[in-house]
Full PDB file with SEQRES, HELIX, SHEET, SSBOND, CRYST1, ORIGX, SCALE, CONECT and MASTER records, all heavy atoms in Angstrom:
SEQRES   1 A   30  LEU SER SER SER LEU GLU THR ARG THR ILE ASP THR HIS          
SEQRES   2 A   30  VAL MET ARG LEU ARG ASP LYS LEU GLY PRO ALA ARG THR          
SEQRES   3 A   30  LEU LEU GLU THR                                              
HELIX    1 AA1 ARG A    8  LYS A   20  1                                  13    
HELIX    2 AA2 GLY A   22  LEU A   27  5                                   6    
CRYST1    1.000    1.000    1.000  90.00  90.00  90.00 P 1           1          
ORIGX1      1.000000  0.000000  0.000000        0.00000                         
ORIGX2      0.000000  1.000000  0.000000        0.00000                         
ORIGX3      0.000000  0.000000  1.000000        0.00000                         
SCALE1      1.000000  0.000000  0.000000        0.00000                         
SCALE2      0.000000  1.000000  0.000000        0.00000                         
SCALE3      0.000000  0.000000  1.000000        0.00000                         
ATOM      1  N   LEU A   1     159.870   8.878 169.849  1.00  0.00           N  
ATOM      2  CA  LEU A   1     159.440   7.878 168.732  1.00  0.00           C  
ATOM      3  C   LEU A   1     158.563   8.539 167.734  1.00  0.00           C  
ATOM      4  O   LEU A   1     157.858   9.558 168.019  1.00  0.00           O  
ATOM      5  CB  LEU A   1     158.903   6.679 169.235  1.00  0.00           C  
ATOM      6  CG  LEU A   1     159.731   5.887 170.317  1.00  0.00           C  
ATOM      7  CD1 LEU A   1     158.929   4.728 170.887  1.00  0.00           C  
ATOM      8  CD2 LEU A   1     160.918   5.357 169.687  1.00  0.00           C  
ATOM      9  N   SER A   2     158.530   8.025 166.592  1.00  0.00           N  
ATOM     10  CA  SER A   2     157.616   8.556 165.467  1.00  0.00           C  
ATOM     11  C   SER A   2     156.222   8.336 165.962  1.00  0.00           C  
ATOM     12  O   SER A   2     155.782   7.297 166.564  1.00  0.00           O  
ATOM     13  CB  SER A   2     157.912   7.775 164.238  1.00  0.00           C  
ATOM     14  OG  SER A   2     156.837   7.966 163.300  1.00  0.00           O  
ATOM     15  N   SER A   3     155.372   9.330 165.563  1.00  0.00           N  
ATOM     16  CA  SER A   3     153.954   9.273 165.912  1.00  0.00           C  
ATOM     17  C   SER A   3     153.225   8.151 165.101  1.00  0.00           C  
ATOM     18  O   SER A   3     151.985   7.871 165.315  1.00  0.00           O  
ATOM     19  CB  SER A   3     153.287  10.565 165.626  1.00  0.00           C  
ATOM     20  OG  SER A   3     153.432  10.950 164.250  1.00  0.00           O  
ATOM     21  N   SER A   4     153.930   7.345 164.226  1.00  0.00           N  
ATOM     22  CA  SER A   4     153.322   6.313 163.536  1.00  0.00           C  
ATOM     23  C   SER A   4     153.174   5.037 164.394  1.00  0.00           C  
ATOM     24  O   SER A   4     152.478   4.140 164.042  1.00  0.00           O  
ATOM     25  CB  SER A   4     154.174   5.950 162.269  1.00  0.00           C  
ATOM     26  OG  SER A   4     155.477   5.491 162.602  1.00  0.00           O  
ATOM     27  N   LEU A   5     153.887   5.113 165.556  1.00  0.00           N  
ATOM     28  CA  LEU A   5     153.772   3.986 166.429  1.00  0.00           C  
ATOM     29  C   LEU A   5     152.353   3.866 167.036  1.00  0.00           C  
ATOM     30  O   LEU A   5     151.689   4.960 167.081  1.00  0.00           O  
ATOM     31  CB  LEU A   5     154.792   4.162 167.638  1.00  0.00           C  
ATOM     32  CG  LEU A   5     154.832   3.025 168.647  1.00  0.00           C  
ATOM     33  CD1 LEU A   5     155.507   1.838 168.015  1.00  0.00           C  
ATOM     34  CD2 LEU A   5     155.694   3.490 169.891  1.00  0.00           C  
ATOM     35  N   GLU A   6     151.858   2.661 167.421  1.00  0.00           N  
ATOM     36  CA  GLU A   6     150.512   2.567 167.912  1.00  0.00           C  
ATOM     37  C   GLU A   6     150.366   3.394 169.096  1.00  0.00           C  
ATOM     38  O   GLU A   6     151.113   3.278 170.090  1.00  0.00           O  
ATOM     39  CB  GLU A   6     150.338   1.106 168.211  1.00  0.00           C  
ATOM     40  CG  GLU A   6     148.927   0.711 168.765  1.00  0.00           C  
ATOM     41  CD  GLU A   6     148.761  -0.738 169.101  1.00  0.00           C  
ATOM     42  OE1 GLU A   6     149.738  -1.471 168.933  1.00  0.00           O  
ATOM     43  OE2 GLU A   6     147.699  -1.100 169.584  1.00  0.00           O  
ATOM     44  N   THR A   7     149.417   4.325 169.199  1.00  0.00           N  
ATOM     45  CA  THR A   7     149.201   5.181 170.273  1.00  0.00           C  
ATOM     46  C   THR A   7     148.557   4.519 171.516  1.00  0.00           C  
ATOM     47  O   THR A   7     148.429   5.146 172.574  1.00  0.00           O  
ATOM     48  CB  THR A   7     148.298   6.433 169.942  1.00  0.00           C  
ATOM     49  OG1 THR A   7     147.096   5.899 169.262  1.00  0.00           O  
ATOM     50  CG2 THR A   7     149.041   7.266 168.882  1.00  0.00           C  
ATOM     51  N   ARG A   8     148.164   3.218 171.315  1.00  0.00           N  
ATOM     52  CA  ARG A   8     147.626   2.501 172.535  1.00  0.00           C  
ATOM     53  C   ARG A   8     148.690   2.488 173.587  1.00  0.00           C  
ATOM     54  O   ARG A   8     148.386   2.299 174.879  1.00  0.00           O  
ATOM     55  CB  ARG A   8     147.136   1.094 172.141  1.00  0.00           C  
ATOM     56  CG  ARG A   8     146.787   0.239 173.292  1.00  0.00           C  
ATOM     57  CD  ARG A   8     145.613   0.677 174.014  1.00  0.00           C  
ATOM     58  NE  ARG A   8     144.411   0.429 173.322  1.00  0.00           N  
ATOM     59  CZ  ARG A   8     143.210   0.618 173.806  1.00  0.00           C  
ATOM     60  NH1 ARG A   8     143.070   1.198 174.991  1.00  0.00           N  
ATOM     61  NH2 ARG A   8     142.075   0.362 173.079  1.00  0.00           N  
ATOM     62  N   THR A   9     149.965   2.523 173.224  1.00  0.00           N  
ATOM     63  CA  THR A   9     151.159   2.534 174.214  1.00  0.00           C  
ATOM     64  C   THR A   9     150.944   3.616 175.240  1.00  0.00           C  
ATOM     65  O   THR A   9     151.057   3.508 176.380  1.00  0.00           O  
ATOM     66  CB  THR A   9     152.494   2.786 173.499  1.00  0.00           C  
ATOM     67  OG1 THR A   9     152.645   1.667 172.533  1.00  0.00           O  
ATOM     68  CG2 THR A   9     153.608   2.828 174.411  1.00  0.00           C  
ATOM     69  N   ILE A  10     150.484   4.872 174.684  1.00  0.00           N  
ATOM     70  CA  ILE A  10     150.322   5.924 175.610  1.00  0.00           C  
ATOM     71  C   ILE A  10     149.164   5.749 176.529  1.00  0.00           C  
ATOM     72  O   ILE A  10     149.333   5.890 177.790  1.00  0.00           O  
ATOM     73  CB  ILE A  10     149.924   7.244 174.751  1.00  0.00           C  
ATOM     74  CG1 ILE A  10     151.045   7.521 173.713  1.00  0.00           C  
ATOM     75  CG2 ILE A  10     149.609   8.452 175.652  1.00  0.00           C  
ATOM     76  CD1 ILE A  10     152.306   8.003 174.335  1.00  0.00           C  
ATOM     77  N   ASP A  11     148.015   5.206 176.056  1.00  0.00           N  
ATOM     78  CA  ASP A  11     146.902   5.007 176.931  1.00  0.00           C  
ATOM     79  C   ASP A  11     147.256   3.982 178.111  1.00  0.00           C  
ATOM     80  O   ASP A  11     146.808   4.164 179.159  1.00  0.00           O  
ATOM     81  CB  ASP A  11     145.757   4.377 176.146  1.00  0.00           C  
ATOM     82  CG  ASP A  11     145.285   5.261 175.037  1.00  0.00           C  
ATOM     83  OD1 ASP A  11     145.427   6.539 175.154  1.00  0.00           O  
ATOM     84  OD2 ASP A  11     144.897   4.841 173.866  1.00  0.00           O  
ATOM     85  N   THR A  12     148.041   2.958 177.730  1.00  0.00           N  
ATOM     86  CA  THR A  12     148.363   1.951 178.794  1.00  0.00           C  
ATOM     87  C   THR A  12     149.285   2.587 179.887  1.00  0.00           C  
ATOM     88  O   THR A  12     149.066   2.420 181.040  1.00  0.00           O  
ATOM     89  CB  THR A  12     149.104   0.801 178.178  1.00  0.00           C  
ATOM     90  OG1 THR A  12     148.296   0.230 177.041  1.00  0.00           O  
ATOM     91  CG2 THR A  12     149.413  -0.313 179.137  1.00  0.00           C  
ATOM     92  N   HIS A  13     150.283   3.370 179.439  1.00  0.00           N  
ATOM     93  CA  HIS A  13     151.104   4.085 180.410  1.00  0.00           C  
ATOM     94  C   HIS A  13     150.374   5.038 181.321  1.00  0.00           C  
ATOM     95  O   HIS A  13     150.553   5.133 182.526  1.00  0.00           O  
ATOM     96  CB  HIS A  13     152.216   4.739 179.656  1.00  0.00           C  
ATOM     97  CG  HIS A  13     153.421   3.859 179.405  1.00  0.00           C  
ATOM     98  ND1 HIS A  13     153.537   3.014 178.345  1.00  0.00           N  
ATOM     99  CD2 HIS A  13     154.561   3.665 180.171  1.00  0.00           C  
ATOM    100  CE1 HIS A  13     154.652   2.387 178.459  1.00  0.00           C  
ATOM    101  NE2 HIS A  13     155.299   2.701 179.538  1.00  0.00           N  
ATOM    102  N   VAL A  14     149.406   5.809 180.744  1.00  0.00           N  
ATOM    103  CA  VAL A  14     148.607   6.768 181.469  1.00  0.00           C  
ATOM    104  C   VAL A  14     147.794   6.019 182.490  1.00  0.00           C  
ATOM    105  O   VAL A  14     147.713   6.457 183.646  1.00  0.00           O  
ATOM    106  CB  VAL A  14     147.830   7.613 180.479  1.00  0.00           C  
ATOM    107  CG1 VAL A  14     146.752   8.514 181.288  1.00  0.00           C  
ATOM    108  CG2 VAL A  14     148.662   8.614 179.682  1.00  0.00           C  
ATOM    109  N   MET A  15     147.181   4.927 182.067  1.00  0.00           N  
ATOM    110  CA  MET A  15     146.451   4.201 182.958  1.00  0.00           C  
ATOM    111  C   MET A  15     147.175   3.767 184.229  1.00  0.00           C  
ATOM    112  O   MET A  15     146.706   3.950 185.358  1.00  0.00           O  
ATOM    113  CB  MET A  15     145.781   2.948 182.289  1.00  0.00           C  
ATOM    114  CG  MET A  15     144.946   2.011 183.142  1.00  0.00           C  
ATOM    115  SD  MET A  15     144.439   0.507 182.312  1.00  0.00           S  
ATOM    116  CE  MET A  15     146.019  -0.292 182.112  1.00  0.00           C  
ATOM    117  N   ARG A  16     148.449   3.282 184.023  1.00  0.00           N  
ATOM    118  CA  ARG A  16     149.196   2.832 185.128  1.00  0.00           C  
ATOM    119  C   ARG A  16     149.679   4.064 185.957  1.00  0.00           C  
ATOM    120  O   ARG A  16     149.689   3.934 187.219  1.00  0.00           O  
ATOM    121  CB  ARG A  16     150.482   2.064 184.616  1.00  0.00           C  
ATOM    122  CG  ARG A  16     150.159   0.831 183.912  1.00  0.00           C  
ATOM    123  CD  ARG A  16     149.217  -0.154 184.431  1.00  0.00           C  
ATOM    124  NE  ARG A  16     149.703  -0.503 185.872  1.00  0.00           N  
ATOM    125  CZ  ARG A  16     148.940  -1.118 186.684  1.00  0.00           C  
ATOM    126  NH1 ARG A  16     147.674  -1.408 186.438  1.00  0.00           N  
ATOM    127  NH2 ARG A  16     149.407  -1.326 187.851  1.00  0.00           N  
ATOM    128  N   LEU A  17     150.029   5.123 185.252  1.00  0.00           N  
ATOM    129  CA  LEU A  17     150.524   6.347 186.034  1.00  0.00           C  
ATOM    130  C   LEU A  17     149.336   6.847 186.803  1.00  0.00           C  
ATOM    131  O   LEU A  17     149.584   7.288 188.082  1.00  0.00           O  
ATOM    132  CB  LEU A  17     151.025   7.389 185.011  1.00  0.00           C  
ATOM    133  CG  LEU A  17     151.367   8.760 185.598  1.00  0.00           C  
ATOM    134  CD1 LEU A  17     152.561   8.497 186.583  1.00  0.00           C  
ATOM    135  CD2 LEU A  17     151.936   9.690 184.416  1.00  0.00           C  
ATOM    136  N   ARG A  18     148.203   6.853 186.312  1.00  0.00           N  
ATOM    137  CA  ARG A  18     147.008   7.412 187.040  1.00  0.00           C  
ATOM    138  C   ARG A  18     146.772   6.635 188.323  1.00  0.00           C  
ATOM    139  O   ARG A  18     146.510   7.244 189.413  1.00  0.00           O  
ATOM    140  CB  ARG A  18     145.741   7.427 186.203  1.00  0.00           C  
ATOM    141  CG  ARG A  18     144.498   8.044 186.793  1.00  0.00           C  
ATOM    142  CD  ARG A  18     143.322   8.027 185.849  1.00  0.00           C  
ATOM    143  NE  ARG A  18     143.433   9.132 184.882  1.00  0.00           N  
ATOM    144  CZ  ARG A  18     143.286   9.043 183.631  1.00  0.00           C  
ATOM    145  NH1 ARG A  18     143.049   7.841 183.058  1.00  0.00           N  
ATOM    146  NH2 ARG A  18     143.258  10.076 182.756  1.00  0.00           N  
ATOM    147  N   ASP A  19     146.835   5.303 188.245  1.00  0.00           N  
ATOM    148  CA  ASP A  19     146.726   4.442 189.480  1.00  0.00           C  
ATOM    149  C   ASP A  19     147.759   4.858 190.506  1.00  0.00           C  
ATOM    150  O   ASP A  19     147.437   4.827 191.733  1.00  0.00           O  
ATOM    151  CB  ASP A  19     146.988   2.965 189.138  1.00  0.00           C  
ATOM    152  CG  ASP A  19     145.819   2.350 188.368  1.00  0.00           C  
ATOM    153  OD1 ASP A  19     144.697   3.023 188.383  1.00  0.00           O  
ATOM    154  OD2 ASP A  19     145.977   1.339 187.776  1.00  0.00           O  
ATOM    155  N   LYS A  20     148.988   5.292 190.146  1.00  0.00           N  
ATOM    156  CA  LYS A  20     150.022   5.615 191.088  1.00  0.00           C  
ATOM    157  C   LYS A  20     149.777   6.930 191.764  1.00  0.00           C  
ATOM    158  O   LYS A  20     150.369   7.320 192.737  1.00  0.00           O  
ATOM    159  CB  LYS A  20     151.435   5.569 190.433  1.00  0.00           C  
ATOM    160  CG  LYS A  20     151.801   4.116 190.098  1.00  0.00           C  
ATOM    161  CD  LYS A  20     153.224   3.952 189.611  1.00  0.00           C  
ATOM    162  CE  LYS A  20     153.605   2.536 189.253  1.00  0.00           C  
ATOM    163  NZ  LYS A  20     155.014   2.479 188.816  1.00  0.00           N  
ATOM    164  N   LEU A  21     148.994   7.836 191.103  1.00  0.00           N  
ATOM    165  CA  LEU A  21     148.690   9.086 191.740  1.00  0.00           C  
ATOM    166  C   LEU A  21     147.683   9.083 192.892  1.00  0.00           C  
ATOM    167  O   LEU A  21     147.605  10.038 193.630  1.00  0.00           O  
ATOM    168  CB  LEU A  21     147.976  10.048 190.578  1.00  0.00           C  
ATOM    169  CG  LEU A  21     148.829  10.265 189.408  1.00  0.00           C  
ATOM    170  CD1 LEU A  21     148.121  11.368 188.564  1.00  0.00           C  
ATOM    171  CD2 LEU A  21     150.320  10.773 189.697  1.00  0.00           C  
ATOM    172  N   GLY A  22     147.108   7.852 193.126  1.00  0.00           N  
ATOM    173  CA  GLY A  22     146.235   7.702 194.292  1.00  0.00           C  
ATOM    174  C   GLY A  22     145.145   8.701 194.458  1.00  0.00           C  
ATOM    175  O   GLY A  22     144.355   8.972 193.462  1.00  0.00           O  
ATOM    176  N   PRO A  23     145.053   9.361 195.594  1.00  0.00           N  
ATOM    177  CA  PRO A  23     143.933  10.426 195.755  1.00  0.00           C  
ATOM    178  C   PRO A  23     144.038  11.604 194.826  1.00  0.00           C  
ATOM    179  O   PRO A  23     143.023  12.313 194.649  1.00  0.00           O  
ATOM    180  CB  PRO A  23     144.189  10.922 197.172  1.00  0.00           C  
ATOM    181  CG  PRO A  23     145.665  10.597 197.476  1.00  0.00           C  
ATOM    182  CD  PRO A  23     145.997   9.340 196.714  1.00  0.00           C  
ATOM    183  N   ALA A  24     145.191  11.753 194.049  1.00  0.00           N  
ATOM    184  CA  ALA A  24     145.292  12.846 193.156  1.00  0.00           C  
ATOM    185  C   ALA A  24     145.079  12.357 191.682  1.00  0.00           C  
ATOM    186  O   ALA A  24     145.321  13.131 190.745  1.00  0.00           O  
ATOM    187  CB  ALA A  24     146.663  13.449 193.201  1.00  0.00           C  
ATOM    188  N   ARG A  25     144.524  11.180 191.588  1.00  0.00           N  
ATOM    189  CA  ARG A  25     144.418  10.689 190.172  1.00  0.00           C  
ATOM    190  C   ARG A  25     143.507  11.487 189.228  1.00  0.00           C  
ATOM    191  O   ARG A  25     143.669  11.467 188.121  1.00  0.00           O  
ATOM    192  CB  ARG A  25     143.820   9.178 190.230  1.00  0.00           C  
ATOM    193  CG  ARG A  25     142.499   9.053 191.009  1.00  0.00           C  
ATOM    194  CD  ARG A  25     142.032   7.635 190.991  1.00  0.00           C  
ATOM    195  NE  ARG A  25     141.694   7.055 189.747  1.00  0.00           N  
ATOM    196  CZ  ARG A  25     142.218   6.121 189.175  1.00  0.00           C  
ATOM    197  NH1 ARG A  25     143.260   5.459 189.666  1.00  0.00           N  
ATOM    198  NH2 ARG A  25     141.866   5.736 188.011  1.00  0.00           N  
ATOM    199  N   THR A  26     142.452  12.275 189.905  1.00  0.00           N  
ATOM    200  CA  THR A  26     141.637  13.015 189.032  1.00  0.00           C  
ATOM    201  C   THR A  26     142.361  14.207 188.409  1.00  0.00           C  
ATOM    202  O   THR A  26     141.779  14.846 187.460  1.00  0.00           O  
ATOM    203  CB  THR A  26     140.398  13.588 189.892  1.00  0.00           C  
ATOM    204  OG1 THR A  26     140.989  14.271 191.026  1.00  0.00           O  
ATOM    205  CG2 THR A  26     139.583  12.294 190.349  1.00  0.00           C  
ATOM    206  N   LEU A  27     143.554  14.501 188.805  1.00  0.00           N  
ATOM    207  CA  LEU A  27     144.243  15.600 188.292  1.00  0.00           C  
ATOM    208  C   LEU A  27     144.816  15.379 186.832  1.00  0.00           C  
ATOM    209  O   LEU A  27     145.097  16.149 186.059  1.00  0.00           O  
ATOM    210  CB  LEU A  27     145.531  16.028 189.098  1.00  0.00           C  
ATOM    211  CG  LEU A  27     145.243  16.526 190.530  1.00  0.00           C  
ATOM    212  CD1 LEU A  27     146.520  16.967 191.238  1.00  0.00           C  
ATOM    213  CD2 LEU A  27     144.153  17.690 190.506  1.00  0.00           C  
ATOM    214  N   LEU A  28     144.899  13.975 186.617  1.00  0.00           N  
ATOM    215  CA  LEU A  28     145.249  13.532 185.192  1.00  0.00           C  
ATOM    216  C   LEU A  28     144.109  13.162 184.423  1.00  0.00           C  
ATOM    217  O   LEU A  28     143.442  12.141 184.564  1.00  0.00           O  
ATOM    218  CB  LEU A  28     146.275  12.273 185.379  1.00  0.00           C  
ATOM    219  CG  LEU A  28     146.759  11.700 184.087  1.00  0.00           C  
ATOM    220  CD1 LEU A  28     147.324  12.678 183.113  1.00  0.00           C  
ATOM    221  CD2 LEU A  28     147.771  10.631 184.439  1.00  0.00           C  
ATOM    222  N   GLU A  29     143.736  14.183 183.631  1.00  0.00           N  
ATOM    223  CA  GLU A  29     142.420  14.081 182.782  1.00  0.00           C  
ATOM    224  C   GLU A  29     142.624  13.528 181.456  1.00  0.00           C  
ATOM    225  O   GLU A  29     143.643  13.865 180.753  1.00  0.00           O  
ATOM    226  CB  GLU A  29     141.765  15.508 182.693  1.00  0.00           C  
ATOM    227  CG  GLU A  29     141.383  16.116 184.058  1.00  0.00           C  
ATOM    228  CD  GLU A  29     140.660  17.429 183.895  1.00  0.00           C  
ATOM    229  OE1 GLU A  29     140.748  17.993 182.749  1.00  0.00           O  
ATOM    230  OE2 GLU A  29     139.944  17.791 184.772  1.00  0.00           O  
ATOM    231  N   THR A  30     141.646  12.789 180.972  1.00  0.00           N  
ATOM    232  CA  THR A  30     141.684  12.344 179.560  1.00  0.00           C  
ATOM    233  C   THR A  30     140.673  13.281 178.724  1.00  0.00           C  
ATOM    234  O   THR A  30     139.596  13.696 179.228  1.00  0.00           O  
ATOM    235  CB  THR A  30     140.979  10.991 179.515  1.00  0.00           C  
ATOM    236  OG1 THR A  30     141.768  10.050 180.246  1.00  0.00           O  
ATOM    237  CG2 THR A  30     140.866  10.553 177.969  1.00  0.00           C  
TER     238      THR A  30                                                      
MASTER        0    0    0    2    0    0    0    6  237    1    0    3          
END                                                                             
């Protein structure tokens, strides 16, 4: 999608994905 889309979409997905990484969640860095 165009980068003109609201980038909060990315933050929400990353938050949910990080939760699913469990003990490896620290590997996904902001």
